[in-house]
PDB file of N, CA and C in Angstrom:
ATOM      1  N   MET A   1     -16.929  14.041  14.745  1.00  0.00           N
ATOM      2  CA  MET A   1     -17.082  13.886  13.313  1.00  0.00           C
ATOM      3  C   MET A   1     -16.133  12.782  12.847  1.00  0.00           C
ATOM      4  N   TYR A   2     -16.417  12.285  11.651  1.00  0.00           N
ATOM      5  CA  TYR A   2     -15.653  11.183  11.084  1.00  0.00           C
ATOM      6  C   TYR A   2     -15.549  11.421   9.581  1.00  0.00           C
ATOM      7  N   GLY A   3     -14.522  10.866   8.955  1.00  0.00           N
ATOM      8  CA  GLY A   3     -14.414  11.036   7.517  1.00  0.00           C
ATOM      9  C   GLY A   3     -13.263  10.284   6.913  1.00  0.00           C
ATOM     10  N   THR A   4     -12.927  10.701   5.714  1.00  0.00           N
ATOM     11  CA  THR A   4     -11.843  10.068   4.984  1.00  0.00           C
ATOM     12  C   THR A   4     -11.041  11.110   4.229  1.00  0.00           C
ATOM     13  N   VAL A   5      -9.775  10.790   4.025  1.00  0.00           N
ATOM     14  CA  VAL A   5      -8.901  11.549   3.144  1.00  0.00           C
ATOM     15  C   VAL A   5      -8.429  10.554   2.100  1.00  0.00           C
ATOM     16  N   ALA A   6      -8.513  10.940   0.842  1.00  0.00           N
ATOM     17  CA  ALA A   6      -8.123  10.030  -0.233  1.00  0.00           C
ATOM     18  C   ALA A   6      -7.146  10.722  -1.171  1.00  0.00           C
ATOM     19  N   ARG A   7      -6.154   9.965  -1.582  1.00  0.00           N
ATOM     20  CA  ARG A   7      -5.216  10.406  -2.629  1.00  0.00           C
ATOM     21  C   ARG A   7      -5.660   9.720  -3.903  1.00  0.00           C
ATOM     22  N   MET A   8      -5.844  10.509  -4.958  1.00  0.00           N
ATOM     23  CA  MET A   8      -6.352   9.964  -6.210  1.00  0.00           C
ATOM     24  C   MET A   8      -5.484  10.402  -7.390  1.00  0.00           C
ATOM     25  N   LYS A   9      -5.279   9.477  -8.303  1.00  0.00           N
ATOM     26  CA  LYS A   9      -4.606   9.772  -9.561  1.00  0.00           C
ATOM     27  C   LYS A   9      -5.673   9.836 -10.652  1.00  0.00           C
ATOM     28  N   VAL A  10      -5.786  10.986 -11.271  1.00  0.00           N
ATOM     29  CA  VAL A  10      -6.772  11.211 -12.320  1.00  0.00           C
ATOM     30  C   VAL A  10      -6.180  10.789 -13.657  1.00  0.00           C
ATOM     31  N   ARG A  11      -7.006  10.167 -14.493  1.00  0.00           N
ATOM     32  CA  ARG A  11      -6.556   9.841 -15.847  1.00  0.00           C
ATOM     33  C   ARG A  11      -6.183  11.147 -16.556  1.00  0.00           C
ATOM     34  N   PRO A  12      -5.081  11.177 -17.276  1.00  0.00           N
ATOM     35  CA  PRO A  12      -4.720  12.393 -18.011  1.00  0.00           C
ATOM     36  C   PRO A  12      -5.887  12.865 -18.883  1.00  0.00           C
ATOM     37  N   GLY A  13      -6.200  14.148 -18.787  1.00  0.00           N
ATOM     38  CA  GLY A  13      -7.285  14.735 -19.565  1.00  0.00           C
ATOM     39  C   GLY A  13      -8.668  14.557 -18.961  1.00  0.00           C
ATOM     40  N   SER A  14      -8.761  13.962 -17.764  1.00  0.00           N
ATOM     41  CA  SER A  14     -10.071  13.667 -17.164  1.00  0.00           C
ATOM     42  C   SER A  14     -10.451  14.569 -15.995  1.00  0.00           C
ATOM     43  N   LEU A  15      -9.613  15.537 -15.666  1.00  0.00           N
ATOM     44  CA  LEU A  15      -9.890  16.372 -14.495  1.00  0.00           C
ATOM     45  C   LEU A  15     -11.197  17.144 -14.639  1.00  0.00           C
ATOM     46  N   ASP A  16     -11.455  17.726 -15.801  1.00  0.00           N
ATOM     47  CA  ASP A  16     -12.700  18.475 -15.989  1.00  0.00           C
ATOM     48  C   ASP A  16     -13.915  17.567 -15.897  1.00  0.00           C
ATOM     49  N   GLY A  17     -13.812  16.361 -16.434  1.00  0.00           N
ATOM     50  CA  GLY A  17     -14.918  15.402 -16.333  1.00  0.00           C
ATOM     51  C   GLY A  17     -15.170  15.008 -14.896  1.00  0.00           C
ATOM     52  N   LEU A  18     -14.112  14.799 -14.130  1.00  0.00           N
ATOM     53  CA  LEU A  18     -14.253  14.469 -12.715  1.00  0.00           C
ATOM     54  C   LEU A  18     -14.887  15.630 -11.962  1.00  0.00           C
ATOM     55  N   ARG A  19     -14.481  16.840 -12.274  1.00  0.00           N
ATOM     56  CA  ARG A  19     -15.066  18.027 -11.631  1.00  0.00           C
ATOM     57  C   ARG A  19     -16.562  18.123 -11.929  1.00  0.00           C
ATOM     58  N   ARG A  20     -16.944  17.915 -13.183  1.00  0.00           N
ATOM     59  CA  ARG A  20     -18.372  17.958 -13.546  1.00  0.00           C
ATOM     60  C   ARG A  20     -19.146  16.871 -12.821  1.00  0.00           C
ATOM     61  N   PHE A  21     -18.563  15.680 -12.738  1.00  0.00           N
ATOM     62  CA  PHE A  21     -19.202  14.583 -12.002  1.00  0.00           C
ATOM     63  C   PHE A  21     -19.397  14.975 -10.540  1.00  0.00           C
ATOM     64  N   ALA A  22     -18.352  15.501  -9.904  1.00  0.00           N
ATOM     65  CA  ALA A  22     -18.438  15.895  -8.492  1.00  0.00           C
ATOM     66  C   ALA A  22     -19.494  16.972  -8.291  1.00  0.00           C
ATOM     67  N   GLU A  23     -19.541  17.934  -9.179  1.00  0.00           N
ATOM     68  CA  GLU A  23     -20.545  18.998  -9.067  1.00  0.00           C
ATOM     69  C   GLU A  23     -21.957  18.448  -9.216  1.00  0.00           C
ATOM     70  N   SER A  24     -22.135  17.449 -10.073  1.00  0.00           N
ATOM     71  CA  SER A  24     -23.468  16.862 -10.259  1.00  0.00           C
ATOM     72  C   SER A  24     -23.919  16.079  -9.027  1.00  0.00           C
ATOM     73  N   GLU A  25     -22.968  15.635  -8.209  1.00  0.00           N
ATOM     74  CA  GLU A  25     -23.265  14.871  -7.000  1.00  0.00           C
ATOM     75  C   GLU A  25     -23.387  15.759  -5.755  1.00  0.00           C
ATOM     76  N   ALA A  26     -23.079  17.027  -5.886  1.00  0.00           N
ATOM     77  CA  ALA A  26     -22.942  17.914  -4.731  1.00  0.00           C
ATOM     78  C   ALA A  26     -24.222  18.112  -3.929  1.00  0.00           C
ATOM     79  N   ASN A  27     -25.371  17.988  -4.525  1.00  0.00           N
ATOM     80  CA  ASN A  27     -26.623  18.272  -3.825  1.00  0.00           C
ATOM     81  C   ASN A  27     -27.361  17.033  -3.346  1.00  0.00           C
ATOM     82  N   LEU A  28     -26.689  15.908  -3.291  1.00  0.00           N
ATOM     83  CA  LEU A  28     -27.332  14.684  -2.811  1.00  0.00           C
ATOM     84  C   LEU A  28     -27.649  14.790  -1.325  1.00  0.00           C
ATOM     85  N   GLU A  29     -28.744  14.191  -0.913  1.00  0.00           N
ATOM     86  CA  GLU A  29     -29.133  14.137   0.495  1.00  0.00           C
ATOM     87  C   GLU A  29     -28.621  12.819   1.064  1.00  0.00           C
ATOM     88  N   ILE A  30     -27.508  12.869   1.800  1.00  0.00           N
ATOM     89  CA  ILE A  30     -26.915  11.678   2.400  1.00  0.00           C
ATOM     90  C   ILE A  30     -26.884  11.894   3.907  1.00  0.00           C
ATOM     91  N   ARG A  31     -27.497  10.980   4.649  1.00  0.00           N
ATOM     92  CA  ARG A  31     -27.597  11.120   6.108  1.00  0.00           C
ATOM     93  C   ARG A  31     -26.211  11.277   6.731  1.00  0.00           C
ATOM     94  N   GLY A  32     -26.041  12.329   7.513  1.00  0.00           N
ATOM     95  CA  GLY A  32     -24.805  12.567   8.234  1.00  0.00           C
ATOM     96  C   GLY A  32     -23.707  13.264   7.452  1.00  0.00           C
ATOM     97  N   TYR A  33     -23.888  13.449   6.159  1.00  0.00           N
ATOM     98  CA  TYR A  33     -22.856  14.076   5.317  1.00  0.00           C
ATOM     99  C   TYR A  33     -22.725  15.555   5.666  1.00  0.00           C
ATOM    100  N   LYS A  34     -21.483  16.015   5.858  1.00  0.00           N
ATOM    101  CA  LYS A  34     -21.222  17.410   6.215  1.00  0.00           C
ATOM    102  C   LYS A  34     -20.536  18.203   5.112  1.00  0.00           C
ATOM    103  N   GLY A  35     -19.732  17.555   4.283  1.00  0.00           N
ATOM    104  CA  GLY A  35     -19.070  18.300   3.225  1.00  0.00           C
ATOM    105  C   GLY A  35     -17.866  17.589   2.651  1.00  0.00           C
ATOM    106  N   THR A  36     -17.368  18.157   1.561  1.00  0.00           N
ATOM    107  CA  THR A  36     -16.215  17.624   0.843  1.00  0.00           C
ATOM    108  C   THR A  36     -15.312  18.779   0.440  1.00  0.00           C
ATOM    109  N   VAL A  37     -14.018  18.533   0.495  1.00  0.00           N
ATOM    110  CA  VAL A  37     -13.021  19.472  -0.016  1.00  0.00           C
ATOM    111  C   VAL A  37     -12.109  18.676  -0.942  1.00  0.00           C
ATOM    112  N   VAL A  38     -11.840  19.220  -2.128  1.00  0.00           N
ATOM    113  CA  VAL A  38     -10.968  18.556  -3.094  1.00  0.00           C
ATOM    114  C   VAL A  38      -9.804  19.488  -3.409  1.00  0.00           C
ATOM    115  N   TYR A  39      -8.596  18.945  -3.308  1.00  0.00           N
ATOM    116  CA  TYR A  39      -7.378  19.692  -3.594  1.00  0.00           C
ATOM    117  C   TYR A  39      -6.769  19.178  -4.893  1.00  0.00           C
ATOM    118  N   HIS A  40      -6.396  20.091  -5.779  1.00  0.00           N
ATOM    119  CA  HIS A  40      -5.672  19.759  -7.008  1.00  0.00           C
ATOM    120  C   HIS A  40      -4.223  20.118  -6.748  1.00  0.00           C
ATOM    121  N   MET A  41      -3.339  19.156  -6.804  1.00  0.00           N
ATOM    122  CA  MET A  41      -1.952  19.352  -6.403  1.00  0.00           C
ATOM    123  C   MET A  41      -1.158  20.148  -7.440  1.00  0.00           C
ATOM    124  N   ASP A  42      -0.372  21.088  -6.944  1.00  0.00           N
ATOM    125  CA  ASP A  42       0.488  21.910  -7.810  1.00  0.00           C
ATOM    126  C   ASP A  42       1.559  21.071  -8.500  1.00  0.00           C
ATOM    127  N   GLU A  43       2.138  20.116  -7.793  1.00  0.00           N
ATOM    128  CA  GLU A  43       3.283  19.364  -8.320  1.00  0.00           C
ATOM    129  C   GLU A  43       2.903  18.316  -9.359  1.00  0.00           C
ATOM    130  N   ASP A  44       1.654  17.859  -9.335  1.00  0.00           N
ATOM    131  CA  ASP A  44       1.236  16.808 -10.269  1.00  0.00           C
ATOM    132  C   ASP A  44      -0.168  17.143 -10.758  1.00  0.00           C
ATOM    133  N   PRO A  45      -0.324  17.524 -12.018  1.00  0.00           N
ATOM    134  CA  PRO A  45      -1.638  17.917 -12.527  1.00  0.00           C
ATOM    135  C   PRO A  45      -2.660  16.779 -12.549  1.00  0.00           C
ATOM    136  N   ASN A  46      -2.206  15.550 -12.344  1.00  0.00           N
ATOM    137  CA  ASN A  46      -3.123  14.407 -12.337  1.00  0.00           C
ATOM    138  C   ASN A  46      -3.325  13.830 -10.938  1.00  0.00           C
ATOM    139  N   GLU A  47      -2.985  14.605  -9.919  1.00  0.00           N
ATOM    140  CA  GLU A  47      -3.165  14.128  -8.548  1.00  0.00           C
ATOM    141  C   GLU A  47      -4.108  15.063  -7.794  1.00  0.00           C
ATOM    142  N   ILE A  48      -5.068  14.455  -7.091  1.00  0.00           N
ATOM    143  CA  ILE A  48      -5.952  15.222  -6.230  1.00  0.00           C
ATOM    144  C   ILE A  48      -6.033  14.536  -4.868  1.00  0.00           C
ATOM    145  N   PHE A  49      -6.354  15.325  -3.867  1.00  0.00           N
ATOM    146  CA  PHE A  49      -6.661  14.814  -2.539  1.00  0.00           C
ATOM    147  C   PHE A  49      -8.084  15.220  -2.216  1.00  0.00           C
ATOM    148  N   LEU A  50      -8.793  14.324  -1.586  1.00  0.00           N
ATOM    149  CA  LEU A  50     -10.199  14.503  -1.275  1.00  0.00           C
ATOM    150  C   LEU A  50     -10.370  14.331   0.230  1.00  0.00           C
ATOM    151  N   ALA A  51     -11.082  15.242   0.872  1.00  0.00           N
ATOM    152  CA  ALA A  51     -11.422  15.098   2.285  1.00  0.00           C
ATOM    153  C   ALA A  51     -12.941  15.155   2.395  1.00  0.00           C
ATOM    154  N   VAL A  52     -13.536  14.136   3.023  1.00  0.00           N
ATOM    155  CA  VAL A  52     -14.982  14.050   3.176  1.00  0.00           C
ATOM    156  C   VAL A  52     -15.308  13.994   4.659  1.00  0.00           C
ATOM    157  N   LEU A  53     -16.283  14.786   5.082  1.00  0.00           N
ATOM    158  CA  LEU A  53     -16.666  14.875   6.486  1.00  0.00           C
ATOM    159  C   LEU A  53     -18.084  14.365   6.695  1.00  0.00           C
ATOM    160  N   PHE A  54     -18.252  13.552   7.728  1.00  0.00           N
ATOM    161  CA  PHE A  54     -19.554  13.053   8.140  1.00  0.00           C
ATOM    162  C   PHE A  54     -19.771  13.363   9.615  1.00  0.00           C
ATOM    163  N   GLU A  55     -21.017  13.401   9.999  1.00  0.00           N
ATOM    164  CA  GLU A  55     -21.410  13.673  11.377  1.00  0.00           C
ATOM    165  C   GLU A  55     -20.783  12.686  12.364  1.00  0.00           C
ATOM    166  N   ASP A  56     -20.732  11.411  11.978  1.00  0.00           N
ATOM    167  CA  ASP A  56     -20.198  10.380  12.862  1.00  0.00           C
ATOM    168  C   ASP A  56     -19.796   9.161  12.042  1.00  0.00           C
ATOM    169  N   ARG A  57     -19.117   8.229  12.692  1.00  0.00           N
ATOM    170  CA  ARG A  57     -18.632   7.019  12.021  1.00  0.00           C
ATOM    171  C   ARG A  57     -19.786   6.182  11.475  1.00  0.00           C
ATOM    172  N   GLU A  58     -20.876   6.111  12.227  1.00  0.00           N
ATOM    173  CA  GLU A  58     -22.012   5.284  11.810  1.00  0.00           C
ATOM    174  C   GLU A  58     -22.611   5.767  10.492  1.00  0.00           C
ATOM    175  N   SER A  59     -22.807   7.078  10.348  1.00  0.00           N
ATOM    176  CA  SER A  59     -23.370   7.585   9.091  1.00  0.00           C
ATOM    177  C   SER A  59     -22.361   7.447   7.949  1.00  0.00           C
ATOM    178  N   TYR A  60     -21.060   7.613   8.246  1.00  0.00           N
ATOM    179  CA  TYR A  60     -20.030   7.414   7.225  1.00  0.00           C
ATOM    180  C   TYR A  60     -20.059   5.970   6.717  1.00  0.00           C
ATOM    181  N   MET A  61     -20.077   5.011   7.652  1.00  0.00           N
ATOM    182  CA  MET A  61     -20.064   3.602   7.271  1.00  0.00           C
ATOM    183  C   MET A  61     -21.347   3.208   6.536  1.00  0.00           C
ATOM    184  N   ALA A  62     -22.488   3.731   6.985  1.00  0.00           N
ATOM    185  CA  ALA A  62     -23.756   3.432   6.304  1.00  0.00           C
ATOM    186  C   ALA A  62     -23.687   3.893   4.848  1.00  0.00           C
ATOM    187  N   ASN A  63     -23.125   5.066   4.614  1.00  0.00           N
ATOM    188  CA  ASN A  63     -22.971   5.547   3.246  1.00  0.00           C
ATOM    189  C   ASN A  63     -21.970   4.697   2.480  1.00  0.00           C
ATOM    190  N   ALA A  64     -20.829   4.414   3.085  1.00  0.00           N
ATOM    191  CA  ALA A  64     -19.780   3.645   2.406  1.00  0.00           C
ATOM    192  C   ALA A  64     -20.268   2.270   1.977  1.00  0.00           C
ATOM    193  N   GLU A  65     -21.172   1.686   2.740  1.00  0.00           N
ATOM    194  CA  GLU A  65     -21.665   0.335   2.460  1.00  0.00           C
ATOM    195  C   GLU A  65     -22.948   0.312   1.634  1.00  0.00           C
ATOM    196  N   SER A  66     -23.455   1.476   1.243  1.00  0.00           N
ATOM    197  CA  SER A  66     -24.729   1.525   0.514  1.00  0.00           C
ATOM    198  C   SER A  66     -24.532   1.231  -0.976  1.00  0.00           C
ATOM    199  N   PRO A  67     -25.521   0.596  -1.599  1.00  0.00           N
ATOM    200  CA  PRO A  67     -25.462   0.348  -3.046  1.00  0.00           C
ATOM    201  C   PRO A  67     -25.385   1.644  -3.857  1.00  0.00           C
ATOM    202  N   ASP A  68     -26.051   2.702  -3.383  1.00  0.00           N
ATOM    203  CA  ASP A  68     -26.004   3.977  -4.101  1.00  0.00           C
ATOM    204  C   ASP A  68     -24.584   4.535  -4.135  1.00  0.00           C
ATOM    205  N   GLN A  69     -23.878   4.447  -3.005  1.00  0.00           N
ATOM    206  CA  GLN A  69     -22.495   4.933  -2.971  1.00  0.00           C
ATOM    207  C   GLN A  69     -21.602   4.064  -3.840  1.00  0.00           C
ATOM    208  N   ASP A  70     -21.856   2.769  -3.861  1.00  0.00           N
ATOM    209  CA  ASP A  70     -21.074   1.882  -4.725  1.00  0.00           C
ATOM    210  C   ASP A  70     -21.230   2.294  -6.186  1.00  0.00           C
ATOM    211  N   GLN A  71     -22.437   2.640  -6.579  1.00  0.00           N
ATOM    212  CA  GLN A  71     -22.673   3.082  -7.956  1.00  0.00           C
ATOM    213  C   GLN A  71     -21.960   4.404  -8.239  1.00  0.00           C
ATOM    214  N   ARG A  72     -22.026   5.345  -7.280  1.00  0.00           N
ATOM    215  CA  ARG A  72     -21.318   6.620  -7.459  1.00  0.00           C
ATOM    216  C   ARG A  72     -19.813   6.386  -7.569  1.00  0.00           C
ATOM    217  N   PHE A  73     -19.279   5.471  -6.758  1.00  0.00           N
ATOM    218  CA  PHE A  73     -17.853   5.157  -6.809  1.00  0.00           C
ATOM    219  C   PHE A  73     -17.475   4.599  -8.180  1.00  0.00           C
ATOM    220  N   LYS A  74     -18.282   3.701  -8.713  1.00  0.00           N
ATOM    221  CA  LYS A  74     -18.000   3.133 -10.039  1.00  0.00           C
ATOM    222  C   LYS A  74     -17.998   4.217 -11.111  1.00  0.00           C
ATOM    223  N   GLU A  75     -18.907   5.166 -11.002  1.00  0.00           N
ATOM    224  CA  GLU A  75     -18.936   6.286 -11.955  1.00  0.00           C
ATOM    225  C   GLU A  75     -17.668   7.134 -11.820  1.00  0.00           C
ATOM    226  N   MET A  76     -17.247   7.401 -10.578  1.00  0.00           N
ATOM    227  CA  MET A  76     -16.046   8.194 -10.345  1.00  0.00           C
ATOM    228  C   MET A  76     -14.803   7.499 -10.893  1.00  0.00           C
ATOM    229  N   MET A  77     -14.743   6.175 -10.778  1.00  0.00           N
ATOM    230  CA  MET A  77     -13.568   5.426 -11.234  1.00  0.00           C
ATOM    231  C   MET A  77     -13.311   5.592 -12.725  1.00  0.00           C
ATOM    232  N   LYS A  78     -14.310   5.966 -13.495  1.00  0.00           N
ATOM    233  CA  LYS A  78     -14.115   6.197 -14.925  1.00  0.00           C
ATOM    234  C   LYS A  78     -13.109   7.315 -15.183  1.00  0.00           C
ATOM    235  N   PHE A  79     -12.931   8.201 -14.193  1.00  0.00           N
ATOM    236  CA  PHE A  79     -12.034   9.344 -14.340  1.00  0.00           C
ATOM    237  C   PHE A  79     -10.669   9.117 -13.689  1.00  0.00           C
ATOM    238  N   LEU A  80     -10.505   7.990 -12.988  1.00  0.00           N
ATOM    239  CA  LEU A  80      -9.278   7.750 -12.233  1.00  0.00           C
ATOM    240  C   LEU A  80      -8.392   6.713 -12.899  1.00  0.00           C
ATOM    241  N   ALA A  81      -7.086   6.869 -12.717  1.00  0.00           N
ATOM    242  CA  ALA A  81      -6.112   5.947 -13.292  1.00  0.00           C
ATOM    243  C   ALA A  81      -5.909   4.711 -12.421  1.00  0.00           C
ATOM    244  N   ALA A  82      -6.268   4.804 -11.142  1.00  0.00           N
ATOM    245  CA  ALA A  82      -6.079   3.698 -10.201  1.00  0.00           C
ATOM    246  C   ALA A  82      -7.036   3.871  -9.033  1.00  0.00           C
ATOM    247  N   GLU A  83      -7.182   2.818  -8.248  1.00  0.00           N
ATOM    248  CA  GLU A  83      -7.997   2.902  -7.031  1.00  0.00           C
ATOM    249  C   GLU A  83      -7.435   3.984  -6.114  1.00  0.00           C
ATOM    250  N   PRO A  84      -8.287   4.759  -5.467  1.00  0.00           N
ATOM    251  CA  PRO A  84      -7.803   5.755  -4.504  1.00  0.00           C
ATOM    252  C   PRO A  84      -7.146   5.097  -3.293  1.00  0.00           C
ATOM    253  N   GLU A  85      -6.266   5.846  -2.635  1.00  0.00           N
ATOM    254  CA  GLU A  85      -5.735   5.454  -1.329  1.00  0.00           C
ATOM    255  C   GLU A  85      -6.652   6.092  -0.294  1.00  0.00           C
ATOM    256  N   TRP A  86      -7.353   5.277   0.491  1.00  0.00           N
ATOM    257  CA  TRP A  86      -8.304   5.785   1.482  1.00  0.00           C
ATOM    258  C   TRP A  86      -7.677   5.793   2.866  1.00  0.00           C
ATOM    259  N   HIS A  87      -7.924   6.848   3.615  1.00  0.00           N
ATOM    260  CA  HIS A  87      -7.437   6.971   4.987  1.00  0.00           C
ATOM    261  C   HIS A  87      -8.592   7.480   5.837  1.00  0.00           C
ATOM    262  N   ASP A  88      -9.309   6.556   6.481  1.00  0.00           N
ATOM    263  CA  ASP A  88     -10.476   6.892   7.290  1.00  0.00           C
ATOM    264  C   ASP A  88     -10.063   7.207   8.718  1.00  0.00           C
ATOM    265  N   GLY A  89     -10.832   8.069   9.379  1.00  0.00           N
ATOM    266  CA  GLY A  89     -10.539   8.344  10.773  1.00  0.00           C
ATOM    267  C   GLY A  89     -11.453   9.377  11.393  1.00  0.00           C
ATOM    268  N   GLU A  90     -11.328   9.474  12.701  1.00  0.00           N
ATOM    269  CA  GLU A  90     -12.085  10.452  13.475  1.00  0.00           C
ATOM    270  C   GLU A  90     -11.477  11.840  13.253  1.00  0.00           C
ATOM    271  N   ILE A  91     -12.327  12.820  13.052  1.00  0.00           N
ATOM    272  CA  ILE A  91     -11.887  14.200  12.893  1.00  0.00           C
ATOM    273  C   ILE A  91     -11.817  14.800  14.296  1.00  0.00           C
ATOM    274  N   ILE A  92     -10.616  15.164  14.723  1.00  0.00           N
ATOM    275  CA  ILE A  92     -10.452  15.662  16.088  1.00  0.00           C
ATOM    276  C   ILE A  92     -10.417  17.182  16.159  1.00  0.00           C
ATOM    277  N   PHE A  93     -10.293  17.854  15.018  1.00  0.00           N
ATOM    278  CA  PHE A  93     -10.355  19.314  14.974  1.00  0.00           C
ATOM    279  C   PHE A  93     -10.790  19.751  13.597  1.00  0.00           C
ATOM    280  N   SER A  94     -11.676  20.738  13.569  1.00  0.00           N
ATOM    281  CA  SER A  94     -12.101  21.327  12.307  1.00  0.00           C
ATOM    282  C   SER A  94     -12.464  22.778  12.559  1.00  0.00           C
ATOM    283  N   ASP A  95     -11.986  23.644  11.713  1.00  0.00           N
ATOM    284  CA  ASP A  95     -12.316  25.062  11.790  1.00  0.00           C
ATOM    285  C   ASP A  95     -12.705  25.517  10.388  1.00  0.00           C
ATOM    286  N   VAL A  96     -13.696  24.825   9.835  1.00  0.00           N
ATOM    287  CA  VAL A  96     -14.118  25.072   8.473  1.00  0.00           C
ATOM    288  C   VAL A  96     -15.205  26.141   8.462  1.00  0.00           C
ATOM    289  N   ALA A  97     -14.960  27.199   7.725  1.00  0.00           N
ATOM    290  CA  ALA A  97     -15.961  28.243   7.557  1.00  0.00           C
ATOM    291  C   ALA A  97     -17.021  27.763   6.569  1.00  0.00           C
ATOM    292  N   GLU A  98     -18.075  28.509   6.442  1.00  0.00           N
ATOM    293  CA  GLU A  98     -19.110  28.166   5.472  1.00  0.00           C
ATOM    294  C   GLU A  98     -18.475  28.023   4.093  1.00  0.00           C
ATOM    295  N   ALA A  99     -18.872  26.991   3.372  1.00  0.00           N
ATOM    296  CA  ALA A  99     -18.279  26.701   2.070  1.00  0.00           C
ATOM    297  C   ALA A  99     -18.478  27.857   1.095  1.00  0.00           C
ATOM    298  N   VAL A 100     -17.445  28.142   0.368  1.00  0.00           N
ATOM    299  CA  VAL A 100     -17.490  29.170  -0.666  1.00  0.00           C
ATOM    300  C   VAL A 100     -17.266  28.472  -1.990  1.00  0.00           C
ATOM    301  N   PRO A 101     -18.163  28.663  -2.978  1.00  0.00           N
ATOM    302  CA  PRO A 101     -17.977  27.995  -4.273  1.00  0.00           C
ATOM    303  C   PRO A 101     -16.636  28.365  -4.893  1.00  0.00           C
ATOM    304  N   CYS A 102     -16.031  27.376  -5.551  1.00  0.00           N
ATOM    305  CA  CYS A 102     -14.729  27.606  -6.204  1.00  0.00           C
ATOM    306  C   CYS A 102     -14.918  28.160  -7.589  1.00  0.00           C
TER     307      CYS A 102
END
């Protein structure tokens, strides 16, 4: 598996809007996409971490380079104070149970 971890700074007062945006995108059919986990940090109410999982590097890159993903990214940026810090890499271990709605 392959994916990314991102550190994001949310614009003050925009967390609920970002959550609604993410929920509206949750049912998209993207080749190779396995799931997303978003963490809201205790120490900073405007900081989140995002982990995205894909079947393999090829499907991750195909999505990252697609015009549709570029449009989704531009929509997401409306809720962020700065560009995310992206950290891409191979997933060498995962023990993720079936997703449970938050």
